[in-house]
């Protein structure tokens, strides 16, 4: 296990105690934390039917969606090509009719 950098001064010279880390340079102490489990794999995004989505896929809306902050509605069956997956509440970024839109994966199916 490699030693972390100090969160205060960002120096790499830290002491390894049983329950905490201590920076030799500035004296800051912080608790030890478990190693992050991000190495297990990237986030998997699935459509409404359980199909795994990837960057560049095409998706189709399964129901009419009202655009937030607008009176417009995107009709079910509208296709979005070349999606990008991201983190957050709306996993899918795409363009529909020239407008950039964020979609939740539960409202689309892979085309």
PDB file of N, CA and C in Angstrom:
ATOM      1  N   UNK A   1       0.846  -1.174   0.000  1.00  0.00           N
ATOM      2  CA  UNK A   1       0.000   0.000   0.000  1.00  0.00           C
ATOM      3  C   UNK A   1       0.889   1.235   0.000  1.00  0.00           C
ATOM      4  N   UNK A   2       0.688   2.156  -0.910  1.00  0.00           N
ATOM      5  CA  UNK A   2       1.496   3.363  -0.986  1.00  0.00           C
ATOM      6  C   UNK A   2       0.964   4.404  -0.018  1.00  0.00           C
ATOM      7  N   UNK A   3       1.857   5.268   0.398  1.00  0.00           N
ATOM      8  CA  UNK A   3       1.472   6.327   1.334  1.00  0.00           C
ATOM      9  C   UNK A   3       0.801   7.452   0.566  1.00  0.00           C
ATOM     10  N   UNK A   4      -0.281   8.010   1.115  1.00  0.00           N
ATOM     11  CA  UNK A   4      -0.966   9.110   0.428  1.00  0.00           C
ATOM     12  C   UNK A   4      -0.233  10.425   0.651  1.00  0.00           C
ATOM     13  N   UNK A   5      -0.557  11.408  -0.152  1.00  0.00           N
ATOM     14  CA  UNK A   5      -0.034  12.755   0.042  1.00  0.00           C
ATOM     15  C   UNK A   5      -0.879  13.457   1.101  1.00  0.00           C
ATOM     16  N   UNK A   6      -0.280  14.401   1.780  1.00  0.00           N
ATOM     17  CA  UNK A   6      -0.995  15.161   2.814  1.00  0.00           C
ATOM     18  C   UNK A   6      -2.100  15.994   2.166  1.00  0.00           C
ATOM     19  N   UNK A   7      -3.338  15.963   2.690  1.00  0.00           N
ATOM     20  CA  UNK A   7      -4.415  16.751   2.095  1.00  0.00           C
ATOM     21  C   UNK A   7      -4.261  18.255   2.332  1.00  0.00           C
ATOM     22  N   UNK A   8      -3.427  18.647   3.302  1.00  0.00           N
ATOM     23  CA  UNK A   8      -3.243  20.072   3.596  1.00  0.00           C
ATOM     24  C   UNK A   8      -2.143  20.694   2.740  1.00  0.00           C
ATOM     25  N   UNK A   9      -0.943  20.101   2.773  1.00  0.00           N
ATOM     26  CA  UNK A   9       0.199  20.693   2.074  1.00  0.00           C
ATOM     27  C   UNK A   9       0.612  19.910   0.834  1.00  0.00           C
ATOM     28  N   UNK A  10       0.000  18.755   0.615  1.00  0.00           N
ATOM     29  CA  UNK A  10       0.227  17.901  -0.547  1.00  0.00           C
ATOM     30  C   UNK A  10       1.652  17.366  -0.649  1.00  0.00           C
ATOM     31  N   UNK A  11       2.359  17.289   0.467  1.00  0.00           N
ATOM     32  CA  UNK A  11       3.700  16.712   0.493  1.00  0.00           C
ATOM     33  C   UNK A  11       3.580  15.200   0.672  1.00  0.00           C
ATOM     34  N   UNK A  12       4.564  14.462   0.187  1.00  0.00           N
ATOM     35  CA  UNK A  12       4.537  13.001   0.250  1.00  0.00           C
ATOM     36  C   UNK A  12       5.226  12.437   1.484  1.00  0.00           C
ATOM     37  N   UNK A  13       5.781  13.265   2.335  1.00  0.00           N
ATOM     38  CA  UNK A  13       6.526  12.815   3.506  1.00  0.00           C
ATOM     39  C   UNK A  13       5.557  12.629   4.680  1.00  0.00           C
ATOM     40  N   UNK A  14       4.962  11.427   4.808  1.00  0.00           N
ATOM     41  CA  UNK A  14       3.975  11.161   5.855  1.00  0.00           C
ATOM     42  C   UNK A  14       4.415   9.966   6.702  1.00  0.00           C
ATOM     43  N   UNK A  15       3.988  10.005   7.965  1.00  0.00           N
ATOM     44  CA  UNK A  15       4.261   8.900   8.884  1.00  0.00           C
ATOM     45  C   UNK A  15       3.072   7.960   8.893  1.00  0.00           C
ATOM     46  N   UNK A  16       3.365   6.675   9.020  1.00  0.00           N
ATOM     47  CA  UNK A  16       2.357   5.629   8.969  1.00  0.00           C
ATOM     48  C   UNK A  16       2.075   5.140  10.381  1.00  0.00           C
ATOM     49  N   UNK A  17       0.963   5.585  10.991  1.00  0.00           N
ATOM     50  CA  UNK A  17       0.549   5.111  12.314  1.00  0.00           C
ATOM     51  C   UNK A  17      -0.511   4.019  12.123  1.00  0.00           C
ATOM     52  N   UNK A  18      -0.848   3.319  13.195  1.00  0.00           N
ATOM     53  CA  UNK A  18      -1.802   2.211  13.103  1.00  0.00           C
ATOM     54  C   UNK A  18      -3.198   2.664  12.669  1.00  0.00           C
ATOM     55  N   UNK A  19      -3.663   3.813  13.131  1.00  0.00           N
ATOM     56  CA  UNK A  19      -5.027   4.251  12.843  1.00  0.00           C
ATOM     57  C   UNK A  19      -5.104   5.586  12.115  1.00  0.00           C
ATOM     58  N   UNK A  20      -3.955   6.189  11.810  1.00  0.00           N
ATOM     59  CA  UNK A  20      -3.975   7.508  11.169  1.00  0.00           C
ATOM     60  C   UNK A  20      -2.687   7.749  10.395  1.00  0.00           C
ATOM     61  N   UNK A  21      -2.714   8.802   9.574  1.00  0.00           N
ATOM     62  CA  UNK A  21      -1.540   9.288   8.855  1.00  0.00           C
ATOM     63  C   UNK A  21      -1.120  10.604   9.493  1.00  0.00           C
ATOM     64  N   UNK A  22       0.170  10.920   9.463  1.00  0.00           N
ATOM     65  CA  UNK A  22       0.657  12.185  10.002  1.00  0.00           C
ATOM     66  C   UNK A  22       1.689  12.769   9.040  1.00  0.00           C
ATOM     67  N   UNK A  23       1.505  14.036   8.680  1.00  0.00           N
ATOM     68  CA  UNK A  23       2.428  14.711   7.777  1.00  0.00           C
ATOM     69  C   UNK A  23       3.621  15.219   8.568  1.00  0.00           C
ATOM     70  N   UNK A  24       4.830  14.895   8.114  1.00  0.00           N
ATOM     71  CA  UNK A  24       6.053  15.335   8.784  1.00  0.00           C
ATOM     72  C   UNK A  24       6.266  16.826   8.548  1.00  0.00           C
ATOM     73  N   UNK A  25       5.870  17.331   7.395  1.00  0.00           N
ATOM     74  CA  UNK A  25       6.115  18.719   7.031  1.00  0.00           C
ATOM     75  C   UNK A  25       5.245  19.697   7.812  1.00  0.00           C
ATOM     76  N   UNK A  26       3.931  19.480   7.816  1.00  0.00           N
ATOM     77  CA  UNK A  26       3.035  20.454   8.450  1.00  0.00           C
ATOM     78  C   UNK A  26       2.406  19.950   9.744  1.00  0.00           C
ATOM     79  N   UNK A  27       2.540  18.664  10.056  1.00  0.00           N
ATOM     80  CA  UNK A  27       1.998  18.122  11.299  1.00  0.00           C
ATOM     81  C   UNK A  27       0.532  17.741  11.241  1.00  0.00           C
ATOM     82  N   UNK A  28      -0.107  17.866  10.086  1.00  0.00           N
ATOM     83  CA  UNK A  28      -1.529  17.524   9.955  1.00  0.00           C
ATOM     84  C   UNK A  28      -1.722  16.020  10.130  1.00  0.00           C
ATOM     85  N   UNK A  29      -2.777  15.631  10.859  1.00  0.00           N
ATOM     86  CA  UNK A  29      -3.122  14.225  11.052  1.00  0.00           C
ATOM     87  C   UNK A  29      -4.510  13.972  10.491  1.00  0.00           C
ATOM     88  N   UNK A  30      -4.703  12.818   9.852  1.00  0.00           N
ATOM     89  CA  UNK A  30      -6.013  12.437   9.327  1.00  0.00           C
ATOM     90  C   UNK A  30      -6.175  10.933   9.445  1.00  0.00           C
ATOM     91  N   UNK A  31      -7.432  10.459   9.578  1.00  0.00           N
ATOM     92  CA  UNK A  31      -7.664   9.026   9.785  1.00  0.00           C
ATOM     93  C   UNK A  31      -7.364   8.221   8.529  1.00  0.00           C
ATOM     94  N   UNK A  32      -6.990   6.964   8.765  1.00  0.00           N
ATOM     95  CA  UNK A  32      -6.783   6.047   7.648  1.00  0.00           C
ATOM     96  C   UNK A  32      -8.141   5.654   7.105  1.00  0.00           C
ATOM     97  N   UNK A  33      -8.221   5.499   5.833  1.00  0.00           N
ATOM     98  CA  UNK A  33      -9.461   5.078   5.189  1.00  0.00           C
ATOM     99  C   UNK A  33      -9.182   3.838   4.369  1.00  0.00           C
ATOM    100  N   UNK A  34     -10.225   3.086   4.130  1.00  0.00           N
ATOM    101  CA  UNK A  34     -10.076   1.895   3.297  1.00  0.00           C
ATOM    102  C   UNK A  34      -9.708   2.322   1.884  1.00  0.00           C
ATOM    103  N   UNK A  35      -9.012   1.469   1.173  1.00  0.00           N
ATOM    104  CA  UNK A  35      -8.621   1.747  -0.200  1.00  0.00           C
ATOM    105  C   UNK A  35      -9.865   1.878  -1.066  1.00  0.00           C
ATOM    106  N   UNK A  36      -9.903   2.844  -1.974  1.00  0.00           N
ATOM    107  CA  UNK A  36     -11.065   2.967  -2.852  1.00  0.00           C
ATOM    108  C   UNK A  36     -11.224   1.738  -3.731  1.00  0.00           C
ATOM    109  N   UNK A  37     -12.488   1.407  -4.025  1.00  0.00           N
ATOM    110  CA  UNK A  37     -12.796   0.208  -4.799  1.00  0.00           C
ATOM    111  C   UNK A  37     -13.083   0.575  -6.249  1.00  0.00           C
ATOM    112  N   UNK A  38     -12.527   1.667  -6.746  1.00  0.00           N
ATOM    113  CA  UNK A  38     -12.759   2.080  -8.116  1.00  0.00           C
ATOM    114  C   UNK A  38     -12.052   1.162  -9.114  1.00  0.00           C
ATOM    115  N   UNK A  39     -11.055   0.433  -8.655  1.00  0.00           N
ATOM    116  CA  UNK A  39     -10.318  -0.439  -9.555  1.00  0.00           C
ATOM    117  C   UNK A  39     -11.155  -1.645  -9.995  1.00  0.00           C
ATOM    118  N   UNK A  40     -12.281  -1.885  -9.328  1.00  0.00           N
ATOM    119  CA  UNK A  40     -13.126  -3.030  -9.658  1.00  0.00           C
ATOM    120  C   UNK A  40     -13.715  -2.912 -11.062  1.00  0.00           C
ATOM    121  N   UNK A  41     -13.853  -1.702 -11.574  1.00  0.00           N
ATOM    122  CA  UNK A  41     -14.365  -1.534 -12.931  1.00  0.00           C
ATOM    123  C   UNK A  41     -15.130  -0.233 -13.061  1.00  0.00           C
ATOM    124  N   UNK A  42     -15.385   0.147 -14.272  1.00  0.00           N
ATOM    125  CA  UNK A  42     -16.115   1.374 -14.533  1.00  0.00           C
ATOM    126  C   UNK A  42     -17.598   1.157 -14.273  1.00  0.00           C
ATOM    127  N   UNK A  43     -18.297   2.240 -14.158  1.00  0.00           N
ATOM    128  CA  UNK A  43     -19.729   2.187 -13.912  1.00  0.00           C
ATOM    129  C   UNK A  43     -20.443   1.604 -15.124  1.00  0.00           C
ATOM    130  N   UNK A  44     -21.396   0.727 -14.885  1.00  0.00           N
ATOM    131  CA  UNK A  44     -22.156   0.094 -15.960  1.00  0.00           C
ATOM    132  C   UNK A  44     -23.520   0.776 -16.037  1.00  0.00           C
ATOM    133  N   UNK A  45     -23.864   1.255 -17.236  1.00  0.00           N
ATOM    134  CA  UNK A  45     -25.148   1.910 -17.462  1.00  0.00           C
ATOM    135  C   UNK A  45     -25.996   0.992 -18.321  1.00  0.00           C
ATOM    136  N   UNK A  46     -27.218   0.709 -17.831  1.00  0.00           N
ATOM    137  CA  UNK A  46     -28.128  -0.179 -18.558  1.00  0.00           C
ATOM    138  C   UNK A  46     -29.383   0.587 -18.945  1.00  0.00           C
ATOM    139  N   UNK A  47     -29.950   0.212 -20.098  1.00  0.00           N
ATOM    140  CA  UNK A  47     -31.183   0.851 -20.549  1.00  0.00           C
ATOM    141  C   UNK A  47     -32.381   0.283 -19.793  1.00  0.00           C
ATOM    142  N   UNK A  48     -33.586   0.662 -20.189  1.00  0.00           N
ATOM    143  CA  UNK A  48     -34.807   0.239 -19.506  1.00  0.00           C
ATOM    144  C   UNK A  48     -35.023  -1.269 -19.558  1.00  0.00           C
ATOM    145  N   UNK A  49     -34.397  -1.952 -20.531  1.00  0.00           N
ATOM    146  CA  UNK A  49     -34.578  -3.388 -20.682  1.00  0.00           C
ATOM    147  C   UNK A  49     -33.369  -4.188 -20.215  1.00  0.00           C
ATOM    148  N   UNK A  50     -32.390  -3.536 -19.585  1.00  0.00           N
ATOM    149  CA  UNK A  50     -31.236  -4.225 -19.037  1.00  0.00           C
ATOM    150  C   UNK A  50     -30.072  -4.405 -19.986  1.00  0.00           C
ATOM    151  N   UNK A  51     -30.128  -3.821 -21.164  1.00  0.00           N
ATOM    152  CA  UNK A  51     -29.024  -3.904 -22.120  1.00  0.00           C
ATOM    153  C   UNK A  51     -27.950  -2.897 -21.719  1.00  0.00           C
ATOM    154  N   UNK A  52     -26.693  -3.315 -21.713  1.00  0.00           N
ATOM    155  CA  UNK A  52     -25.589  -2.436 -21.337  1.00  0.00           C
ATOM    156  C   UNK A  52     -25.334  -1.428 -22.455  1.00  0.00           C
ATOM    157  N   UNK A  53     -25.210  -0.156 -22.079  1.00  0.00           N
ATOM    158  CA  UNK A  53     -24.950   0.908 -23.040  1.00  0.00           C
ATOM    159  C   UNK A  53     -23.479   1.287 -23.014  1.00  0.00           C
ATOM    160  N   UNK A  54     -22.979   1.785 -24.138  1.00  0.00           N
ATOM    161  CA  UNK A  54     -21.592   2.237 -24.247  1.00  0.00           C
ATOM    162  C   UNK A  54     -21.570   3.565 -25.004  1.00  0.00           C
ATOM    163  N   UNK A  55     -20.449   4.298 -24.893  1.00  0.00           N
ATOM    164  CA  UNK A  55     -20.285   5.543 -25.646  1.00  0.00           C
ATOM    165  C   UNK A  55     -20.422   5.260 -27.132  1.00  0.00           C
ATOM    166  N   UNK A  56     -21.144   6.130 -27.833  1.00  0.00           N
ATOM    167  CA  UNK A  56     -21.305   5.993 -29.276  1.00  0.00           C
ATOM    168  C   UNK A  56     -22.521   5.202 -29.699  1.00  0.00           C
ATOM    169  N   UNK A  57     -23.223   4.556 -28.772  1.00  0.00           N
ATOM    170  CA  UNK A  57     -24.428   3.804 -29.120  1.00  0.00           C
ATOM    171  C   UNK A  57     -25.546   4.744 -29.561  1.00  0.00           C
ATOM    172  N   UNK A  58     -26.543   4.180 -30.194  1.00  0.00           N
ATOM    173  CA  UNK A  58     -27.764   4.906 -30.531  1.00  0.00           C
ATOM    174  C   UNK A  58     -28.873   4.394 -29.619  1.00  0.00           C
ATOM    175  N   UNK A  59     -29.713   5.313 -29.144  1.00  0.00           N
ATOM    176  CA  UNK A  59     -30.807   4.933 -28.255  1.00  0.00           C
ATOM    177  C   UNK A  59     -32.105   5.549 -28.763  1.00  0.00           C
ATOM    178  N   UNK A  60     -33.221   4.945 -28.350  1.00  0.00           N
ATOM    179  CA  UNK A  60     -34.549   5.411 -28.704  1.00  0.00           C
ATOM    180  C   UNK A  60     -35.335   5.651 -27.415  1.00  0.00           C
ATOM    181  N   UNK A  61     -36.048   6.770 -27.344  1.00  0.00           N
ATOM    182  CA  UNK A  61     -36.883   7.054 -26.175  1.00  0.00           C
ATOM    183  C   UNK A  61     -38.059   6.095 -26.132  1.00  0.00           C
ATOM    184  N   UNK A  62     -38.411   5.622 -24.935  1.00  0.00           N
ATOM    185  CA  UNK A  62     -39.521   4.683 -24.820  1.00  0.00           C
ATOM    186  C   UNK A  62     -40.819   5.365 -24.418  1.00  0.00           C
ATOM    187  N   UNK A  63     -40.762   6.646 -24.052  1.00  0.00           N
ATOM    188  CA  UNK A  63     -41.975   7.382 -23.703  1.00  0.00           C
ATOM    189  C   UNK A  63     -41.769   8.857 -23.972  1.00  0.00           C
ATOM    190  N   UNK A  64     -42.847   9.612 -24.007  1.00  0.00           N
ATOM    191  CA  UNK A  64     -42.756  11.060 -24.188  1.00  0.00           C
ATOM    192  C   UNK A  64     -42.115  11.676 -22.947  1.00  0.00           C
ATOM    193  N   UNK A  65     -41.197  12.621 -23.173  1.00  0.00           N
ATOM    194  CA  UNK A  65     -40.527  13.296 -22.063  1.00  0.00           C
ATOM    195  C   UNK A  65     -40.680  14.796 -22.209  1.00  0.00           C
ATOM    196  N   UNK A  66     -41.114  15.454 -21.131  1.00  0.00           N
ATOM    197  CA  UNK A  66     -41.223  16.907 -21.114  1.00  0.00           C
ATOM    198  C   UNK A  66     -39.860  17.476 -20.770  1.00  0.00           C
ATOM    199  N   UNK A  67     -39.414  18.477 -21.519  1.00  0.00           N
ATOM    200  CA  UNK A  67     -38.141  19.121 -21.238  1.00  0.00           C
ATOM    201  C   UNK A  67     -38.295  20.049 -20.042  1.00  0.00           C
ATOM    202  N   UNK A  68     -37.415  19.908 -19.077  1.00  0.00           N
ATOM    203  CA  UNK A  68     -37.478  20.724 -17.868  1.00  0.00           C
ATOM    204  C   UNK A  68     -37.183  22.182 -18.222  1.00  0.00           C
ATOM    205  N   UNK A  69     -37.994  23.087 -17.722  1.00  0.00           N
ATOM    206  CA  UNK A  69     -37.815  24.507 -17.987  1.00  0.00           C
ATOM    207  C   UNK A  69     -38.357  24.950 -19.333  1.00  0.00           C
ATOM    208  N   UNK A  70     -39.132  24.110 -19.968  1.00  0.00           N
ATOM    209  CA  UNK A  70     -39.664  24.408 -21.284  1.00  0.00           C
ATOM    210  C   UNK A  70     -41.038  23.774 -21.413  1.00  0.00           C
ATOM    211  N   UNK A  71     -41.770  24.201 -22.414  1.00  0.00           N
ATOM    212  CA  UNK A  71     -43.079  23.584 -22.667  1.00  0.00           C
ATOM    213  C   UNK A  71     -42.982  22.530 -23.763  1.00  0.00           C
ATOM    214  N   UNK A  72     -41.785  22.258 -24.267  1.00  0.00           N
ATOM    215  CA  UNK A  72     -41.600  21.284 -25.332  1.00  0.00           C
ATOM    216  C   UNK A  72     -41.645  19.861 -24.797  1.00  0.00           C
ATOM    217  N   UNK A  73     -42.023  18.939 -25.680  1.00  0.00           N
ATOM    218  CA  UNK A  73     -42.068  17.525 -25.353  1.00  0.00           C
ATOM    219  C   UNK A  73     -41.289  16.770 -26.418  1.00  0.00           C
ATOM    220  N   UNK A  74     -40.457  15.830 -25.994  1.00  0.00           N
ATOM    221  CA  UNK A  74     -39.763  14.949 -26.930  1.00  0.00           C
ATOM    222  C   UNK A  74     -40.589  13.678 -27.012  1.00  0.00           C
ATOM    223  N   UNK A  75     -41.014  13.328 -28.186  1.00  0.00           N
ATOM    224  CA  UNK A  75     -41.906  12.187 -28.382  1.00  0.00           C
ATOM    225  C   UNK A  75     -41.183  10.860 -28.209  1.00  0.00           C
ATOM    226  N   UNK A  76     -41.907   9.870 -27.706  1.00  0.00           N
ATOM    227  CA  UNK A  76     -41.380   8.517 -27.627  1.00  0.00           C
ATOM    228  C   UNK A  76     -41.077   8.007 -29.023  1.00  0.00           C
ATOM    229  N   UNK A  77     -39.997   7.256 -29.167  1.00  0.00           N
ATOM    230  CA  UNK A  77     -39.594   6.776 -30.476  1.00  0.00           C
ATOM    231  C   UNK A  77     -38.541   7.651 -31.124  1.00  0.00           C
ATOM    232  N   UNK A  78     -38.256   8.811 -30.524  1.00  0.00           N
ATOM    233  CA  UNK A  78     -37.206   9.685 -31.048  1.00  0.00           C
ATOM    234  C   UNK A  78     -35.858   9.017 -30.828  1.00  0.00           C
ATOM    235  N   UNK A  79     -35.019   9.057 -31.863  1.00  0.00           N
ATOM    236  CA  UNK A  79     -33.733   8.378 -31.804  1.00  0.00           C
ATOM    237  C   UNK A  79     -32.616   9.387 -31.561  1.00  0.00           C
ATOM    238  N   UNK A  80     -31.664   9.009 -30.691  1.00  0.00           N
ATOM    239  CA  UNK A  80     -30.467   9.809 -30.433  1.00  0.00           C
ATOM    240  C   UNK A  80     -29.258   8.967 -30.805  1.00  0.00           C
ATOM    241  N   UNK A  81     -28.390   9.518 -31.658  1.00  0.00           N
ATOM    242  CA  UNK A  81     -27.207   8.787 -32.118  1.00  0.00           C
ATOM    243  C   UNK A  81     -25.966   9.320 -31.423  1.00  0.00           C
ATOM    244  N   UNK A  82     -24.994   8.456 -31.235  1.00  0.00           N
ATOM    245  CA  UNK A  82     -23.706   8.869 -30.686  1.00  0.00           C
ATOM    246  C   UNK A  82     -23.776   9.405 -29.270  1.00  0.00           C
ATOM    247  N   UNK A  83     -24.351   8.633 -28.367  1.00  0.00           N
ATOM    248  CA  UNK A  83     -24.490   9.084 -26.985  1.00  0.00           C
ATOM    249  C   UNK A  83     -23.141   9.061 -26.272  1.00  0.00           C
ATOM    250  N   UNK A  84     -23.050   9.825 -25.187  1.00  0.00           N
ATOM    251  CA  UNK A  84     -21.890   9.799 -24.299  1.00  0.00           C
ATOM    252  C   UNK A  84     -22.398   9.495 -22.900  1.00  0.00           C
ATOM    253  N   UNK A  85     -21.721   8.594 -22.213  1.00  0.00           N
ATOM    254  CA  UNK A  85     -22.103   8.227 -20.854  1.00  0.00           C
ATOM    255  C   UNK A  85     -21.303   9.055 -19.862  1.00  0.00           C
ATOM    256  N   UNK A  86     -21.958   9.411 -18.776  1.00  0.00           N
ATOM    257  CA  UNK A  86     -21.297  10.198 -17.744  1.00  0.00           C
ATOM    258  C   UNK A  86     -21.839   9.854 -16.380  1.00  0.00           C
ATOM    259  N   UNK A  87     -21.288  10.488 -15.378  1.00  0.00           N
ATOM    260  CA  UNK A  87     -21.745  10.288 -14.009  1.00  0.00           C
ATOM    261  C   UNK A  87     -22.826  11.308 -13.687  1.00  0.00           C
ATOM    262  N   UNK A  88     -23.543  11.045 -12.630  1.00  0.00           N
ATOM    263  CA  UNK A  88     -24.565  11.978 -12.195  1.00  0.00           C
ATOM    264  C   UNK A  88     -25.961  11.415 -12.359  1.00  0.00           C
ATOM    265  N   UNK A  89     -26.926  12.282 -12.179  1.00  0.00           N
ATOM    266  CA  UNK A  89     -28.331  11.891 -12.221  1.00  0.00           C
ATOM    267  C   UNK A  89     -28.761  11.495 -13.631  1.00  0.00           C
ATOM    268  N   UNK A  90     -28.310  12.231 -14.625  1.00  0.00           N
ATOM    269  CA  UNK A  90     -28.629  11.933 -16.024  1.00  0.00           C
ATOM    270  C   UNK A  90     -27.389  11.308 -16.650  1.00  0.00           C
ATOM    271  N   UNK A  91     -27.443   9.991 -16.856  1.00  0.00           N
ATOM    272  CA  UNK A  91     -26.264   9.236 -17.279  1.00  0.00           C
ATOM    273  C   UNK A  91     -25.902   9.434 -18.735  1.00  0.00           C
ATOM    274  N   UNK A  92     -26.845   9.862 -19.559  1.00  0.00           N
ATOM    275  CA  UNK A  92     -26.640   9.932 -21.003  1.00  0.00           C
ATOM    276  C   UNK A  92     -26.653  11.385 -21.466  1.00  0.00           C
ATOM    277  N   UNK A  93     -25.626  11.768 -22.223  1.00  0.00           N
ATOM    278  CA  UNK A  93     -25.581  13.075 -22.879  1.00  0.00           C
ATOM    279  C   UNK A  93     -25.685  12.833 -24.376  1.00  0.00           C
ATOM    280  N   UNK A  94     -26.570  13.578 -25.036  1.00  0.00           N
ATOM    281  CA  UNK A  94     -26.756  13.391 -26.472  1.00  0.00           C
ATOM    282  C   UNK A  94     -27.335  14.660 -27.074  1.00  0.00           C
ATOM    283  N   UNK A  95     -27.501  14.631 -28.397  1.00  0.00           N
ATOM    284  CA  UNK A  95     -28.160  15.726 -29.100  1.00  0.00           C
ATOM    285  C   UNK A  95     -29.406  15.192 -29.776  1.00  0.00           C
ATOM    286  N   UNK A  96     -30.516  15.887 -29.554  1.00  0.00           N
ATOM    287  CA  UNK A  96     -31.776  15.555 -30.216  1.00  0.00           C
ATOM    288  C   UNK A  96     -32.267  16.825 -30.888  1.00  0.00           C
ATOM    289  N   UNK A  97     -32.468  16.772 -32.180  1.00  0.00           N
ATOM    290  CA  UNK A  97     -32.890  17.932 -32.982  1.00  0.00           C
ATOM    291  C   UNK A  97     -31.950  19.121 -32.787  1.00  0.00           C
ATOM    292  N   UNK A  98     -30.652  18.866 -32.649  1.00  0.00           N
ATOM    293  CA  UNK A  98     -29.663  19.927 -32.524  1.00  0.00           C
ATOM    294  C   UNK A  98     -29.496  20.510 -31.136  1.00  0.00           C
ATOM    295  N   UNK A  99     -30.260  20.030 -30.171  1.00  0.00           N
ATOM    296  CA  UNK A  99     -30.162  20.526 -28.791  1.00  0.00           C
ATOM    297  C   UNK A  99     -29.474  19.492 -27.914  1.00  0.00           C
ATOM    298  N   UNK A 100     -28.544  19.936 -27.088  1.00  0.00           N
ATOM    299  CA  UNK A 100     -27.868  19.032 -26.162  1.00  0.00           C
ATOM    300  C   UNK A 100     -28.820  18.690 -25.024  1.00  0.00           C
ATOM    301  N   UNK A 101     -28.961  17.399 -24.742  1.00  0.00           N
ATOM    302  CA  UNK A 101     -29.932  16.929 -23.754  1.00  0.00           C
ATOM    303  C   UNK A 101     -29.271  15.893 -22.856  1.00  0.00           C
ATOM    304  N   UNK A 102     -29.637  15.884 -21.574  1.00  0.00           N
ATOM    305  CA  UNK A 102     -29.230  14.835 -20.654  1.00  0.00           C
ATOM    306  C   UNK A 102     -30.421  13.925 -20.392  1.00  0.00           C
ATOM    307  N   UNK A 103     -30.206  12.628 -20.514  1.00  0.00           N
ATOM    308  CA  UNK A 103     -31.293  11.664 -20.340  1.00  0.00           C
ATOM    309  C   UNK A 103     -30.960  10.665 -19.247  1.00  0.00           C
ATOM    310  N   UNK A 104     -31.979  10.157 -18.597  1.00  0.00           N
ATOM    311  CA  UNK A 104     -31.811   9.047 -17.667  1.00  0.00           C
ATOM    312  C   UNK A 104     -31.928   7.752 -18.461  1.00  0.00           C
ATOM    313  N   UNK A 105     -31.121   6.782 -18.106  1.00  0.00           N
ATOM    314  CA  UNK A 105     -31.074   5.520 -18.848  1.00  0.00           C
ATOM    315  C   UNK A 105     -32.383   4.736 -18.744  1.00  0.00           C
ATOM    316  N   UNK A 106     -33.184   4.984 -17.728  1.00  0.00           N
ATOM    317  CA  UNK A 106     -34.426   4.236 -17.558  1.00  0.00           C
ATOM    318  C   UNK A 106     -35.509   4.631 -18.576  1.00  0.00           C
ATOM    319  N   UNK A 107     -35.274   5.697 -19.361  1.00  0.00           N
ATOM    320  CA  UNK A 107     -36.249   6.145 -20.345  1.00  0.00           C
ATOM    321  C   UNK A 107     -35.838   5.844 -21.784  1.00  0.00           C
ATOM    322  N   UNK A 108     -34.787   5.050 -21.956  1.00  0.00           N
ATOM    323  CA  UNK A 108     -34.324   4.750 -23.320  1.00  0.00           C
ATOM    324  C   UNK A 108     -34.132   3.256 -23.506  1.00  0.00           C
ATOM    325  N   UNK A 109     -34.096   2.851 -24.783  1.00  0.00           N
ATOM    326  CA  UNK A 109     -33.707   1.480 -25.125  1.00  0.00           C
ATOM    327  C   UNK A 109     -32.647   1.579 -26.215  1.00  0.00           C
ATOM    328  N   UNK A 110     -31.751   0.605 -26.238  1.00  0.00           N
ATOM    329  CA  UNK A 110     -30.686   0.599 -27.227  1.00  0.00           C
ATOM    330  C   UNK A 110     -31.283   0.334 -28.608  1.00  0.00           C
ATOM    331  N   UNK A 111     -30.866   1.142 -29.578  1.00  0.00           N
ATOM    332  CA  UNK A 111     -31.412   1.002 -30.932  1.00  0.00           C
ATOM    333  C   UNK A 111     -30.568   0.071 -31.779  1.00  0.00           C
TER     334      UNK A 111
END
